[in-house]
Amino acid sequence: MNWSKWIRQLHRWLSIIFTVTVIANFAAMAMGPPPAWIVYSPLIPLFLLLFSGLYMFVLPYAAGRRGEPAGERTGSA
């Protein structure tokens, strides 16, 4: 597994973790004032999603600058 595929897989798992923490946050708020660690728990995966998403956003531009053909830049999903 190359670096780009690893980042994509990490991004997918982080999005699942982020979704679960947001759902847990809403469930805790429905039961009353939640503790601070529940309120701030979505921030960790959110920041990691930011960095992995920015990496995936810049990747095609960086590959184009290196002169790789378009087929090698996109890869398979």
N, C-alpha and C. Protein backbone atom coordinates (compact mmCIF):
# COMPACT_ATOMS: atom_id res chain seq x y z
N MET A 1 0.85 -1.17 0.00
CA MET A 1 0.00 0.00 0.00
C MET A 1 0.90 1.24 0.00
N ASN A 2 0.73 2.10 -1.00
CA ASN A 2 1.58 3.28 -1.06
C ASN A 2 1.04 4.38 -0.15
N TRP A 3 1.78 5.47 -0.07
CA TRP A 3 1.49 6.55 0.87
C TRP A 3 0.12 7.16 0.63
N SER A 4 -0.25 7.42 -0.63
CA SER A 4 -1.53 8.05 -0.94
C SER A 4 -2.72 7.17 -0.53
N LYS A 5 -2.61 5.89 -0.80
CA LYS A 5 -3.70 4.98 -0.42
C LYS A 5 -3.82 4.90 1.10
N TRP A 6 -2.70 4.95 1.79
CA TRP A 6 -2.72 4.90 3.25
C TRP A 6 -3.40 6.14 3.81
N ILE A 7 -3.09 7.31 3.24
CA ILE A 7 -3.72 8.56 3.69
C ILE A 7 -5.22 8.52 3.42
N ARG A 8 -5.63 8.02 2.24
CA ARG A 8 -7.06 7.94 1.92
C ARG A 8 -7.80 7.03 2.91
N GLN A 9 -7.19 5.89 3.21
CA GLN A 9 -7.81 4.97 4.16
C GLN A 9 -7.90 5.59 5.55
N LEU A 10 -6.86 6.28 5.96
CA LEU A 10 -6.87 6.97 7.25
C LEU A 10 -7.97 8.04 7.26
N HIS A 11 -8.11 8.77 6.17
CA HIS A 11 -9.13 9.81 6.07
C HIS A 11 -10.53 9.22 6.21
N ARG A 12 -10.75 8.07 5.59
CA ARG A 12 -12.07 7.41 5.69
C ARG A 12 -12.37 7.00 7.12
N TRP A 13 -11.39 6.39 7.79
CA TRP A 13 -11.61 5.96 9.17
C TRP A 13 -11.78 7.15 10.09
N LEU A 14 -11.03 8.20 9.86
CA LEU A 14 -11.20 9.41 10.68
C LEU A 14 -12.57 10.01 10.52
N SER A 15 -13.12 9.95 9.31
CA SER A 15 -14.47 10.49 9.11
C SER A 15 -15.50 9.68 9.88
N ILE A 16 -15.30 8.37 9.96
CA ILE A 16 -16.22 7.53 10.74
C ILE A 16 -16.10 7.87 12.23
N ILE A 17 -14.88 8.02 12.71
CA ILE A 17 -14.66 8.36 14.12
C ILE A 17 -15.25 9.73 14.43
N PHE A 18 -15.06 10.69 13.53
CA PHE A 18 -15.62 12.03 13.72
C PHE A 18 -17.15 11.97 13.80
N THR A 19 -17.77 11.22 12.90
CA THR A 19 -19.23 11.10 12.90
C THR A 19 -19.73 10.50 14.20
N VAL A 20 -19.06 9.46 14.69
CA VAL A 20 -19.46 8.82 15.94
C VAL A 20 -19.33 9.79 17.12
N THR A 21 -18.26 10.57 17.15
CA THR A 21 -18.09 11.51 18.26
C THR A 21 -19.13 12.63 18.22
N VAL A 22 -19.52 13.06 17.02
CA VAL A 22 -20.56 14.09 16.93
C VAL A 22 -21.91 13.53 17.38
N ILE A 23 -22.21 12.30 16.98
CA ILE A 23 -23.46 11.66 17.42
C ILE A 23 -23.47 11.49 18.94
N ALA A 24 -22.34 11.07 19.49
CA ALA A 24 -22.24 10.93 20.95
C ALA A 24 -22.40 12.28 21.64
N ASN A 25 -21.90 13.32 21.01
CA ASN A 25 -22.03 14.66 21.57
C ASN A 25 -23.50 15.07 21.64
N PHE A 26 -24.25 14.85 20.57
CA PHE A 26 -25.67 15.20 20.57
C PHE A 26 -26.45 14.34 21.55
N ALA A 27 -26.11 13.06 21.66
CA ALA A 27 -26.80 12.19 22.61
C ALA A 27 -26.53 12.64 24.04
N ALA A 28 -25.29 13.04 24.32
CA ALA A 28 -24.97 13.51 25.67
C ALA A 28 -25.67 14.83 25.98
N MET A 29 -25.81 15.69 24.99
CA MET A 29 -26.50 16.97 25.21
C MET A 29 -27.99 16.77 25.45
N ALA A 30 -28.54 15.71 24.89
CA ALA A 30 -29.97 15.44 25.10
C ALA A 30 -30.24 15.02 26.54
N MET A 31 -29.23 14.49 27.22
CA MET A 31 -29.41 14.03 28.60
C MET A 31 -29.06 15.09 29.64
N GLY A 32 -28.65 16.25 29.18
CA GLY A 32 -28.28 17.32 30.11
C GLY A 32 -26.94 17.90 29.72
N PRO A 33 -26.39 18.75 30.55
CA PRO A 33 -25.09 19.33 30.22
C PRO A 33 -24.00 18.26 30.20
N PRO A 34 -23.34 18.08 29.06
CA PRO A 34 -22.31 17.03 28.97
C PRO A 34 -20.99 17.50 29.57
N PRO A 35 -20.15 16.54 29.94
CA PRO A 35 -18.81 16.91 30.41
C PRO A 35 -17.98 17.51 29.27
N ALA A 36 -16.98 18.26 29.63
CA ALA A 36 -16.16 18.96 28.63
C ALA A 36 -15.46 18.00 27.68
N TRP A 37 -15.04 16.84 28.16
CA TRP A 37 -14.30 15.93 27.28
C TRP A 37 -15.18 15.39 26.16
N ILE A 38 -16.49 15.28 26.40
CA ILE A 38 -17.40 14.84 25.33
C ILE A 38 -17.62 15.98 24.33
N VAL A 39 -17.73 17.20 24.85
CA VAL A 39 -17.96 18.34 23.97
C VAL A 39 -16.78 18.56 23.02
N TYR A 40 -15.57 18.41 23.53
CA TYR A 40 -14.38 18.68 22.72
C TYR A 40 -13.82 17.45 22.01
N SER A 41 -14.40 16.29 22.21
CA SER A 41 -13.87 15.07 21.59
C SER A 41 -13.90 15.08 20.06
N PRO A 42 -14.85 15.73 19.38
CA PRO A 42 -14.80 15.74 17.91
C PRO A 42 -13.66 16.58 17.33
N LEU A 43 -13.02 17.41 18.14
CA LEU A 43 -11.98 18.28 17.59
C LEU A 43 -10.74 17.53 17.14
N ILE A 44 -10.37 16.48 17.85
CA ILE A 44 -9.16 15.73 17.48
C ILE A 44 -9.30 15.10 16.09
N PRO A 45 -10.35 14.30 15.83
CA PRO A 45 -10.47 13.77 14.47
C PRO A 45 -10.73 14.86 13.43
N LEU A 46 -11.35 15.96 13.82
CA LEU A 46 -11.60 17.03 12.87
C LEU A 46 -10.29 17.65 12.38
N PHE A 47 -9.36 17.91 13.29
CA PHE A 47 -8.07 18.47 12.88
C PHE A 47 -7.27 17.47 12.05
N LEU A 48 -7.34 16.19 12.40
CA LEU A 48 -6.65 15.18 11.58
C LEU A 48 -7.29 15.08 10.20
N LEU A 49 -8.62 15.21 10.13
CA LEU A 49 -9.29 15.22 8.83
C LEU A 49 -8.86 16.43 8.02
N LEU A 50 -8.66 17.56 8.67
CA LEU A 50 -8.21 18.76 7.97
C LEU A 50 -6.86 18.51 7.29
N PHE A 51 -5.92 17.95 8.03
CA PHE A 51 -4.59 17.73 7.46
C PHE A 51 -4.59 16.67 6.36
N SER A 52 -5.30 15.57 6.58
CA SER A 52 -5.33 14.54 5.54
C SER A 52 -6.11 15.02 4.32
N GLY A 53 -7.16 15.82 4.53
CA GLY A 53 -7.91 16.36 3.40
C GLY A 53 -7.10 17.37 2.61
N LEU A 54 -6.35 18.21 3.30
CA LEU A 54 -5.49 19.16 2.58
C LEU A 54 -4.41 18.44 1.79
N TYR A 55 -3.86 17.37 2.35
CA TYR A 55 -2.87 16.58 1.64
C TYR A 55 -3.47 16.01 0.35
N MET A 56 -4.67 15.43 0.45
CA MET A 56 -5.30 14.85 -0.74
C MET A 56 -5.70 15.93 -1.74
N PHE A 57 -6.03 17.13 -1.26
CA PHE A 57 -6.38 18.23 -2.16
C PHE A 57 -5.16 18.69 -2.96
N VAL A 58 -4.00 18.78 -2.32
CA VAL A 58 -2.79 19.28 -2.96
C VAL A 58 -2.11 18.22 -3.83
N LEU A 59 -2.36 16.97 -3.56
CA LEU A 59 -1.66 15.88 -4.24
C LEU A 59 -1.73 15.95 -5.77
N PRO A 60 -2.89 16.16 -6.40
CA PRO A 60 -2.90 16.23 -7.87
C PRO A 60 -2.10 17.40 -8.43
N TYR A 61 -2.09 18.52 -7.71
CA TYR A 61 -1.34 19.68 -8.18
C TYR A 61 0.16 19.43 -8.06
N ALA A 62 0.57 18.79 -6.99
CA ALA A 62 1.99 18.48 -6.81
C ALA A 62 2.45 17.46 -7.84
N ALA A 63 1.60 16.49 -8.15
CA ALA A 63 1.96 15.48 -9.15
C ALA A 63 2.02 16.12 -10.54
N GLY A 64 1.12 17.05 -10.82
CA GLY A 64 1.14 17.74 -12.11
C GLY A 64 2.38 18.58 -12.28
N ARG A 65 2.86 19.14 -11.21
CA ARG A 65 4.07 19.95 -11.25
C ARG A 65 5.30 19.08 -11.53
N ARG A 66 5.27 17.83 -11.05
CA ARG A 66 6.39 16.92 -11.29
C ARG A 66 6.38 16.36 -12.70
N GLY A 67 5.26 16.56 -13.42
CA GLY A 67 5.20 16.12 -14.80
C GLY A 67 4.71 14.71 -15.00
N GLU A 68 4.02 14.15 -14.02
CA GLU A 68 3.49 12.79 -14.17
C GLU A 68 2.28 12.82 -15.08
N PRO A 69 2.06 11.76 -15.85
CA PRO A 69 0.86 11.70 -16.68
C PRO A 69 -0.41 11.67 -15.83
N ALA A 70 -1.53 12.11 -16.41
CA ALA A 70 -2.78 12.23 -15.66
C ALA A 70 -3.25 10.89 -15.11
N GLY A 71 -3.02 9.79 -15.80
CA GLY A 71 -3.47 8.47 -15.35
C GLY A 71 -2.77 8.05 -14.07
N GLU A 72 -1.52 8.39 -13.92
CA GLU A 72 -0.79 8.01 -12.71
C GLU A 72 -1.14 8.91 -11.53
N ARG A 73 -1.57 10.14 -11.81
CA ARG A 73 -1.93 11.06 -10.74
C ARG A 73 -3.19 10.64 -10.03
N THR A 74 -4.22 10.25 -10.79
CA THR A 74 -5.53 10.01 -10.20
C THR A 74 -5.57 8.71 -9.43
N GLY A 75 -4.94 7.67 -9.93
CA GLY A 75 -4.99 6.37 -9.23
C GLY A 75 -6.37 5.77 -9.29
N SER A 76 -6.56 4.69 -8.56
CA SER A 76 -7.87 4.05 -8.52
C SER A 76 -8.51 4.29 -7.18
N ALA A 77 -9.82 4.38 -7.19
CA ALA A 77 -10.56 4.69 -5.95
C ALA A 77 -10.80 3.47 -5.12
